[in-house]
Amino acid sequence: MPASFCRRQVTNPGKATMIAEVWRVRLRAIETTGWSPTAHLDSDAAVLAYLEAVFEDGDPALIAAALADVAQVRSSVGADVRD
């Protein structure tokens, strides 16, 4: 949102309050669910694409999290094979 929008003087406080309430209702109506990349790392190609994207970003924390995700997937796959 541009800073000029935030600094704009409100000429009709009633309308501004109504708009703010509409946005509050819309934001409350959004429901989210958990998402884990490990559920989608079901092939070597998927793991490779995931790691390429993460290394391209270059964020060390993201790289560490991605490597942990891959290790989790690999260990669970190994457990299935061993059983």
C-alpha atoms as a PDB file:
ATOM      1  CA  MET A   1       0.000   0.000   0.000  1.00  0.00           C
ATOM      2  CA  PRO A   2       1.518   3.357  -0.961  1.00  0.00           C
ATOM      3  CA  ALA A   3       2.470   5.656   1.887  1.00  0.00           C
ATOM      4  CA  SER A   4       0.380   8.448   0.349  1.00  0.00           C
ATOM      5  CA  PHE A   5      -2.719   6.310   0.865  1.00  0.00           C
ATOM      6  CA  CYS A   6      -2.004   6.030   4.579  1.00  0.00           C
ATOM      7  CA  ARG A   7      -1.428   9.757   4.969  1.00  0.00           C
ATOM      8  CA  ARG A   8      -4.528  10.834   3.082  1.00  0.00           C
ATOM      9  CA  GLN A   9      -6.897  12.921   5.161  1.00  0.00           C
ATOM     10  CA  VAL A  10     -10.268  11.320   5.774  1.00  0.00           C
ATOM     11  CA  THR A  11     -13.079  13.567   4.575  1.00  0.00           C
ATOM     12  CA  ASN A  12     -15.904  11.221   5.494  1.00  0.00           C
ATOM     13  CA  PRO A  13     -15.161   9.422   8.781  1.00  0.00           C
ATOM     14  CA  GLY A  14     -18.352   7.356   8.602  1.00  0.00           C
ATOM     15  CA  LYS A  15     -17.443   5.917   5.227  1.00  0.00           C
ATOM     16  CA  ALA A  16     -13.859   5.259   6.362  1.00  0.00           C
ATOM     17  CA  THR A  17     -15.158   3.348   9.382  1.00  0.00           C
ATOM     18  CA  MET A  18     -17.492   1.322   7.179  1.00  0.00           C
ATOM     19  CA  ILE A  19     -14.660   0.443   4.766  1.00  0.00           C
ATOM     20  CA  ALA A  20     -12.410  -0.564   7.657  1.00  0.00           C
ATOM     21  CA  GLU A  21     -15.156  -2.824   9.040  1.00  0.00           C
ATOM     22  CA  VAL A  22     -15.650  -4.485   5.645  1.00  0.00           C
ATOM     23  CA  TRP A  23     -11.928  -5.284   5.501  1.00  0.00           C
ATOM     24  CA  ARG A  24     -11.954  -6.639   9.049  1.00  0.00           C
ATOM     25  CA  VAL A  25     -14.814  -8.980   8.124  1.00  0.00           C
ATOM     26  CA  ARG A  26     -13.040 -10.102   4.954  1.00  0.00           C
ATOM     27  CA  LEU A  27      -9.821 -10.793   6.824  1.00  0.00           C
ATOM     28  CA  ARG A  28     -11.627 -12.825   9.467  1.00  0.00           C
ATOM     29  CA  ALA A  29     -13.326 -14.917   6.792  1.00  0.00           C
ATOM     30  CA  ILE A  30     -10.036 -16.210   5.371  1.00  0.00           C
ATOM     31  CA  GLU A  31      -9.257 -19.711   6.564  1.00  0.00           C
ATOM     32  CA  THR A  32      -5.847 -21.238   6.046  1.00  0.00           C
ATOM     33  CA  THR A  33      -4.492 -24.734   6.380  1.00  0.00           C
ATOM     34  CA  GLY A  34      -1.063 -26.003   7.201  1.00  0.00           C
ATOM     35  CA  TRP A  35       1.267 -26.762   4.312  1.00  0.00           C
ATOM     36  CA  SER A  36       4.475 -28.729   4.299  1.00  0.00           C
ATOM     37  CA  PRO A  37       6.817 -29.047   1.334  1.00  0.00           C
ATOM     38  CA  THR A  38       7.694 -32.567   2.438  1.00  0.00           C
ATOM     39  CA  ALA A  39       4.333 -33.808   1.200  1.00  0.00           C
ATOM     40  CA  HIS A  40       5.320 -32.755  -2.328  1.00  0.00           C
ATOM     41  CA  LEU A  41       8.892 -34.052  -2.414  1.00  0.00           C
ATOM     42  CA  ASP A  42       7.888 -37.411  -3.842  1.00  0.00           C
ATOM     43  CA  SER A  43      10.556 -37.753  -6.545  1.00  0.00           C
ATOM     44  CA  ASP A  44      14.186 -36.907  -7.167  1.00  0.00           C
ATOM     45  CA  ALA A  45      13.085 -34.293  -9.708  1.00  0.00           C
ATOM     46  CA  ALA A  46      10.856 -32.587  -7.138  1.00  0.00           C
ATOM     47  CA  VAL A  47      13.666 -32.538  -4.561  1.00  0.00           C
ATOM     48  CA  LEU A  48      16.091 -31.145  -7.132  1.00  0.00           C
ATOM     49  CA  ALA A  49      13.681 -28.389  -8.205  1.00  0.00           C
ATOM     50  CA  TYR A  50      13.006 -27.492  -4.556  1.00  0.00           C
ATOM     51  CA  LEU A  51      16.698 -27.268  -3.693  1.00  0.00           C
ATOM     52  CA  GLU A  52      17.509 -25.291  -6.863  1.00  0.00           C
ATOM     53  CA  ALA A  53      14.851 -22.715  -5.994  1.00  0.00           C
ATOM     54  CA  VAL A  54      16.056 -22.442  -2.402  1.00  0.00           C
ATOM     55  CA  PHE A  55      19.727 -22.069  -3.354  1.00  0.00           C
ATOM     56  CA  GLU A  56      18.784 -19.492  -5.984  1.00  0.00           C
ATOM     57  CA  ASP A  57      17.149 -17.433  -3.224  1.00  0.00           C
ATOM     58  CA  GLY A  58      20.353 -17.664  -1.189  1.00  0.00           C
ATOM     59  CA  ASP A  59      18.838 -17.192   2.280  1.00  0.00           C
ATOM     60  CA  PRO A  60      20.890 -19.351   4.707  1.00  0.00           C
ATOM     61  CA  ALA A  61      17.919 -19.989   7.016  1.00  0.00           C
ATOM     62  CA  LEU A  62      15.786 -21.093   4.071  1.00  0.00           C
ATOM     63  CA  ILE A  63      18.571 -23.363   2.814  1.00  0.00           C
ATOM     64  CA  ALA A  64      18.895 -24.973   6.247  1.00  0.00           C
ATOM     65  CA  ALA A  65      15.126 -25.511   6.449  1.00  0.00           C
ATOM     66  CA  ALA A  66      15.040 -27.014   2.943  1.00  0.00           C
ATOM     67  CA  LEU A  67      17.888 -29.403   3.722  1.00  0.00           C
ATOM     68  CA  ALA A  68      16.026 -30.472   6.868  1.00  0.00           C
ATOM     69  CA  ASP A  69      12.884 -31.044   4.778  1.00  0.00           C
ATOM     70  CA  VAL A  70      14.805 -33.213   2.313  1.00  0.00           C
ATOM     71  CA  ALA A  71      16.481 -35.147   5.137  1.00  0.00           C
ATOM     72  CA  GLN A  72      13.069 -35.766   6.711  1.00  0.00           C
ATOM     73  CA  VAL A  73      11.677 -37.086   3.437  1.00  0.00           C
ATOM     74  CA  ARG A  74      14.740 -39.254   2.778  1.00  0.00           C
ATOM     75  CA  SER A  75      14.660 -40.742   6.286  1.00  0.00           C
ATOM     76  CA  SER A  76      10.963 -41.570   6.043  1.00  0.00           C
ATOM     77  CA  VAL A  77      11.471 -43.170   2.638  1.00  0.00           C
ATOM     78  CA  GLY A  78      14.377 -45.200   4.040  1.00  0.00           C
ATOM     79  CA  ALA A  79      12.204 -46.348   6.933  1.00  0.00           C
ATOM     80  CA  ASP A  80       9.545 -47.561   4.486  1.00  0.00           C
ATOM     81  CA  VAL A  81      12.118 -49.514   2.482  1.00  0.00           C
ATOM     82  CA  ARG A  82      13.621 -51.116   5.601  1.00  0.00           C
ATOM     83  CA  ASP A  83      10.232 -52.352   6.884  1.00  0.00           C
END
